């Protein structure tokens, strides 16, 4: 399974937005510059987050994006599904019916083992993403990123809100 690159982008953007003070917004331009990604493509991904009510947006010179909820109320799964959609990562096309040795009157009534395993794996993946909150990511980043880089990054962001 390969996710769109926008999934990575919006997860990082949400981590940045999680640190914004109340009533402050960060522009797409600033988020794109901070992460070194194309503004136009990032804008589309952020619009997906807006449509999913993960972020709110405002227009004007101090406009941009901010989280619609507190980070502890936003799961990785919500963010991923906002960009990728909610469809299963596996679609069964039932190729087993093409078996030339299969009798014409043979009929399987349940999904095959391959489909069942893949659907179970998809649900396990979604369960993991559902269990991780944006606040968990922020906690991890605050421990792993050197304090001076964490501080300078936060100052850079605040200057652009």
C-alpha atoms as a PDB file:
ATOM      1  CA  UNK A   1       0.000   0.000   0.000  1.00  0.00           C
ATOM      2  CA  UNK A   2       1.333   3.428  -0.919  1.00  0.00           C
ATOM      3  CA  UNK A   3      -0.275   6.483   0.587  1.00  0.00           C
ATOM      4  CA  UNK A   4      -0.316   9.833  -1.137  1.00  0.00           C
ATOM      5  CA  UNK A   5       2.584  12.089  -0.122  1.00  0.00           C
ATOM      6  CA  UNK A   6      -0.044  14.576   1.065  1.00  0.00           C
ATOM      7  CA  UNK A   7      -0.778  12.250   4.009  1.00  0.00           C
ATOM      8  CA  UNK A   8       2.734  12.816   5.340  1.00  0.00           C
ATOM      9  CA  UNK A   9       2.439  16.539   4.661  1.00  0.00           C
ATOM     10  CA  UNK A  10      -0.839  17.038   6.515  1.00  0.00           C
ATOM     11  CA  UNK A  11       0.277  14.949   9.490  1.00  0.00           C
ATOM     12  CA  UNK A  12       3.311  17.223   9.855  1.00  0.00           C
ATOM     13  CA  UNK A  13       1.160  20.314   9.287  1.00  0.00           C
ATOM     14  CA  UNK A  14      -1.301  19.210  11.961  1.00  0.00           C
ATOM     15  CA  UNK A  15       1.591  18.788  14.385  1.00  0.00           C
ATOM     16  CA  UNK A  16       2.584  22.403  13.696  1.00  0.00           C
ATOM     17  CA  UNK A  17      -1.007  23.650  13.961  1.00  0.00           C
ATOM     18  CA  UNK A  18      -1.345  21.852  17.303  1.00  0.00           C
ATOM     19  CA  UNK A  19       1.082  24.366  18.813  1.00  0.00           C
ATOM     20  CA  UNK A  20      -0.707  27.508  17.647  1.00  0.00           C
ATOM     21  CA  UNK A  21      -2.024  29.869  20.315  1.00  0.00           C
ATOM     22  CA  UNK A  22      -5.786  30.348  20.439  1.00  0.00           C
ATOM     23  CA  UNK A  23      -7.279  32.415  17.590  1.00  0.00           C
ATOM     24  CA  UNK A  24      -4.053  32.323  15.540  1.00  0.00           C
ATOM     25  CA  UNK A  25      -3.866  30.911  12.024  1.00  0.00           C
ATOM     26  CA  UNK A  26      -1.000  29.768   9.832  1.00  0.00           C
ATOM     27  CA  UNK A  27      -1.101  30.236   6.073  1.00  0.00           C
ATOM     28  CA  UNK A  28      -0.650  27.527   3.481  1.00  0.00           C
ATOM     29  CA  UNK A  29       2.339  29.484   2.213  1.00  0.00           C
ATOM     30  CA  UNK A  30       4.054  29.349   5.627  1.00  0.00           C
ATOM     31  CA  UNK A  31       3.259  25.645   6.092  1.00  0.00           C
ATOM     32  CA  UNK A  32       4.571  24.859   2.603  1.00  0.00           C
ATOM     33  CA  UNK A  33       7.722  26.903   3.205  1.00  0.00           C
ATOM     34  CA  UNK A  34       8.343  25.273   6.590  1.00  0.00           C
ATOM     35  CA  UNK A  35       8.099  21.776   5.125  1.00  0.00           C
ATOM     36  CA  UNK A  36       9.571  22.494   1.690  1.00  0.00           C
ATOM     37  CA  UNK A  37       6.564  21.183  -0.222  1.00  0.00           C
ATOM     38  CA  UNK A  38       4.603  22.662  -3.147  1.00  0.00           C
ATOM     39  CA  UNK A  39       2.040  25.171  -1.897  1.00  0.00           C
ATOM     40  CA  UNK A  40      -0.572  24.281  -4.524  1.00  0.00           C
ATOM     41  CA  UNK A  41      -0.609  20.563  -3.657  1.00  0.00           C
ATOM     42  CA  UNK A  42      -0.492  21.247   0.069  1.00  0.00           C
ATOM     43  CA  UNK A  43      -3.445  23.608  -0.325  1.00  0.00           C
ATOM     44  CA  UNK A  44      -5.561  20.791  -1.792  1.00  0.00           C
ATOM     45  CA  UNK A  45      -4.633  18.474   1.068  1.00  0.00           C
ATOM     46  CA  UNK A  46      -5.449  21.145   3.648  1.00  0.00           C
ATOM     47  CA  UNK A  47      -8.811  21.696   1.945  1.00  0.00           C
ATOM     48  CA  UNK A  48      -9.494  18.003   2.499  1.00  0.00           C
ATOM     49  CA  UNK A  49      -8.788  18.495   6.205  1.00  0.00           C
ATOM     50  CA  UNK A  50     -11.135  21.474   6.226  1.00  0.00           C
ATOM     51  CA  UNK A  51     -13.917  19.479   4.561  1.00  0.00           C
ATOM     52  CA  UNK A  52     -13.430  16.779   7.214  1.00  0.00           C
ATOM     53  CA  UNK A  53     -13.699  19.437   9.991  1.00  0.00           C
ATOM     54  CA  UNK A  54     -10.177  18.707  11.229  1.00  0.00           C
ATOM     55  CA  UNK A  55      -9.031  22.262  10.564  1.00  0.00           C
ATOM     56  CA  UNK A  56     -10.807  25.574  10.210  1.00  0.00           C
ATOM     57  CA  UNK A  57      -9.716  28.327   7.901  1.00  0.00           C
ATOM     58  CA  UNK A  58     -10.061  32.057   7.667  1.00  0.00           C
ATOM     59  CA  UNK A  59      -9.303  34.506   4.888  1.00  0.00           C
ATOM     60  CA  UNK A  60      -7.395  37.758   4.958  1.00  0.00           C
ATOM     61  CA  UNK A  61      -3.863  38.945   5.751  1.00  0.00           C
ATOM     62  CA  UNK A  62      -3.735  36.968   9.014  1.00  0.00           C
ATOM     63  CA  UNK A  63      -5.722  34.078   7.568  1.00  0.00           C
ATOM     64  CA  UNK A  64      -4.811  30.472   7.216  1.00  0.00           C
ATOM     65  CA  UNK A  65      -5.480  27.269   9.101  1.00  0.00           C
ATOM     66  CA  UNK A  66      -5.800  26.121  12.677  1.00  0.00           C
ATOM     67  CA  UNK A  67      -7.074  22.913  14.252  1.00  0.00           C
ATOM     68  CA  UNK A  68     -10.852  22.656  14.656  1.00  0.00           C
ATOM     69  CA  UNK A  69     -10.476  20.561  17.819  1.00  0.00           C
ATOM     70  CA  UNK A  70      -7.866  20.029  20.491  1.00  0.00           C
ATOM     71  CA  UNK A  71      -5.081  17.617  19.440  1.00  0.00           C
ATOM     72  CA  UNK A  72      -6.268  14.928  21.879  1.00  0.00           C
ATOM     73  CA  UNK A  73      -9.559  14.724  19.947  1.00  0.00           C
ATOM     74  CA  UNK A  74      -7.989  14.152  16.520  1.00  0.00           C
ATOM     75  CA  UNK A  75      -6.787  10.703  15.480  1.00  0.00           C
ATOM     76  CA  UNK A  76      -4.257   9.790  12.818  1.00  0.00           C
ATOM     77  CA  UNK A  77      -7.024   7.822  11.124  1.00  0.00           C
ATOM     78  CA  UNK A  78      -9.203  10.930  10.745  1.00  0.00           C
ATOM     79  CA  UNK A  79      -6.332  12.784   9.112  1.00  0.00           C
ATOM     80  CA  UNK A  80      -5.371   9.897   6.817  1.00  0.00           C
ATOM     81  CA  UNK A  81      -8.970   9.271   5.756  1.00  0.00           C
ATOM     82  CA  UNK A  82      -9.507  12.972   5.076  1.00  0.00           C
ATOM     83  CA  UNK A  83      -6.818  12.744   2.373  1.00  0.00           C
ATOM     84  CA  UNK A  84      -7.103   9.114   1.230  1.00  0.00           C
ATOM     85  CA  UNK A  85     -10.793   8.438   1.773  1.00  0.00           C
ATOM     86  CA  UNK A  86     -12.394   5.698   3.828  1.00  0.00           C
ATOM     87  CA  UNK A  87     -12.376   2.912   1.247  1.00  0.00           C
ATOM     88  CA  UNK A  88     -10.628  -0.333   2.111  1.00  0.00           C
ATOM     89  CA  UNK A  89      -7.019  -0.614   1.014  1.00  0.00           C
ATOM     90  CA  UNK A  90      -7.867  -3.983  -0.585  1.00  0.00           C
ATOM     91  CA  UNK A  91     -10.502  -4.598  -3.223  1.00  0.00           C
ATOM     92  CA  UNK A  92     -11.284  -8.229  -3.995  1.00  0.00           C
ATOM     93  CA  UNK A  93     -11.956  -8.890  -7.677  1.00  0.00           C
ATOM     94  CA  UNK A  94     -12.728 -12.564  -6.981  1.00  0.00           C
ATOM     95  CA  UNK A  95     -10.186 -13.951  -9.456  1.00  0.00           C
ATOM     96  CA  UNK A  96     -10.662 -17.426  -7.995  1.00  0.00           C
ATOM     97  CA  UNK A  97     -13.692 -17.783 -10.281  1.00  0.00           C
ATOM     98  CA  UNK A  98     -11.252 -17.819 -13.229  1.00  0.00           C
ATOM     99  CA  UNK A  99      -9.801 -21.190 -12.141  1.00  0.00           C
ATOM    100  CA  UNK A 100     -10.066 -23.446 -15.228  1.00  0.00           C
ATOM    101  CA  UNK A 101     -10.343 -26.506 -12.962  1.00  0.00           C
ATOM    102  CA  UNK A 102     -13.380 -25.138 -11.157  1.00  0.00           C
ATOM    103  CA  UNK A 103     -16.566 -27.081 -11.986  1.00  0.00           C
ATOM    104  CA  UNK A 104     -19.204 -24.913 -13.699  1.00  0.00           C
ATOM    105  CA  UNK A 105     -21.719 -25.566 -10.921  1.00  0.00           C
ATOM    106  CA  UNK A 106     -19.248 -24.810  -8.094  1.00  0.00           C
ATOM    107  CA  UNK A 107     -20.229 -21.724  -6.150  1.00  0.00           C
ATOM    108  CA  UNK A 108     -18.348 -20.147  -3.261  1.00  0.00           C
ATOM    109  CA  UNK A 109     -20.626 -18.208  -0.941  1.00  0.00           C
ATOM    110  CA  UNK A 110     -18.076 -16.621   1.364  1.00  0.00           C
ATOM    111  CA  UNK A 111     -15.111 -14.344   0.659  1.00  0.00           C
ATOM    112  CA  UNK A 112     -11.863 -16.174  -0.027  1.00  0.00           C
ATOM    113  CA  UNK A 113      -9.055 -16.495   2.507  1.00  0.00           C
ATOM    114  CA  UNK A 114      -6.946 -13.894   0.685  1.00  0.00           C
ATOM    115  CA  UNK A 115      -9.700 -11.279   0.926  1.00  0.00           C
ATOM    116  CA  UNK A 116     -10.419 -12.087   4.579  1.00  0.00           C
ATOM    117  CA  UNK A 117      -6.744 -11.775   5.560  1.00  0.00           C
ATOM    118  CA  UNK A 118      -6.337  -8.525   3.639  1.00  0.00           C
ATOM    119  CA  UNK A 119      -9.486  -7.021   5.164  1.00  0.00           C
ATOM    120  CA  UNK A 120      -8.316  -8.056   8.642  1.00  0.00           C
ATOM    121  CA  UNK A 121      -4.960  -6.395   7.970  1.00  0.00           C
ATOM    122  CA  UNK A 122      -6.701  -3.249   6.750  1.00  0.00           C
ATOM    123  CA  UNK A 123      -8.776  -3.116   9.928  1.00  0.00           C
ATOM    124  CA  UNK A 124      -5.692  -3.692  12.120  1.00  0.00           C
ATOM    125  CA  UNK A 125      -3.946  -0.799  10.344  1.00  0.00           C
ATOM    126  CA  UNK A 126      -6.988   1.436  10.842  1.00  0.00           C
ATOM    127  CA  UNK A 127      -7.303   0.386  14.494  1.00  0.00           C
ATOM    128  CA  UNK A 128      -3.689   1.417  15.087  1.00  0.00           C
ATOM    129  CA  UNK A 129      -4.205   4.800  13.402  1.00  0.00           C
ATOM    130  CA  UNK A 130      -7.456   5.244  15.342  1.00  0.00           C
ATOM    131  CA  UNK A 131      -5.565   4.639  18.612  1.00  0.00           C
ATOM    132  CA  UNK A 132      -2.981   7.380  17.987  1.00  0.00           C
ATOM    133  CA  UNK A 133      -4.023  10.940  18.739  1.00  0.00           C
ATOM    134  CA  UNK A 134      -2.393  14.046  17.343  1.00  0.00           C
ATOM    135  CA  UNK A 135      -1.486  14.926  20.939  1.00  0.00           C
ATOM    136  CA  UNK A 136       0.552  11.673  21.109  1.00  0.00           C
ATOM    137  CA  UNK A 137       2.574  12.846  18.114  1.00  0.00           C
ATOM    138  CA  UNK A 138       3.184  16.254  19.683  1.00  0.00           C
ATOM    139  CA  UNK A 139       4.363  14.597  22.916  1.00  0.00           C
ATOM    140  CA  UNK A 140       6.752  12.353  20.989  1.00  0.00           C
ATOM    141  CA  UNK A 141       8.117  15.236  18.919  1.00  0.00           C
ATOM    142  CA  UNK A 142       8.672  17.398  22.004  1.00  0.00           C
ATOM    143  CA  UNK A 143      10.841  14.623  23.478  1.00  0.00           C
ATOM    144  CA  UNK A 144      12.737  13.700  20.304  1.00  0.00           C
ATOM    145  CA  UNK A 145      13.465  17.090  18.737  1.00  0.00           C
ATOM    146  CA  UNK A 146      16.366  18.981  20.322  1.00  0.00           C
ATOM    147  CA  UNK A 147      15.075  21.784  22.564  1.00  0.00           C
ATOM    148  CA  UNK A 148      16.798  24.573  20.604  1.00  0.00           C
ATOM    149  CA  UNK A 149      15.328  23.328  17.296  1.00  0.00           C
ATOM    150  CA  UNK A 150      11.896  22.924  18.900  1.00  0.00           C
ATOM    151  CA  UNK A 151      12.073  26.502  20.226  1.00  0.00           C
ATOM    152  CA  UNK A 152      13.365  28.090  17.011  1.00  0.00           C
ATOM    153  CA  UNK A 153      10.742  26.228  14.953  1.00  0.00           C
ATOM    154  CA  UNK A 154       7.971  27.438  17.230  1.00  0.00           C
ATOM    155  CA  UNK A 155       9.287  31.009  17.032  1.00  0.00           C
ATOM    156  CA  UNK A 156       9.461  30.781  13.223  1.00  0.00           C
ATOM    157  CA  UNK A 157       5.841  29.644  13.120  1.00  0.00           C
ATOM    158  CA  UNK A 158       4.635  32.323  15.549  1.00  0.00           C
ATOM    159  CA  UNK A 159       6.238  35.079  13.471  1.00  0.00           C
ATOM    160  CA  UNK A 160       4.029  33.990  10.575  1.00  0.00           C
ATOM    161  CA  UNK A 161       0.703  33.793  12.410  1.00  0.00           C
END
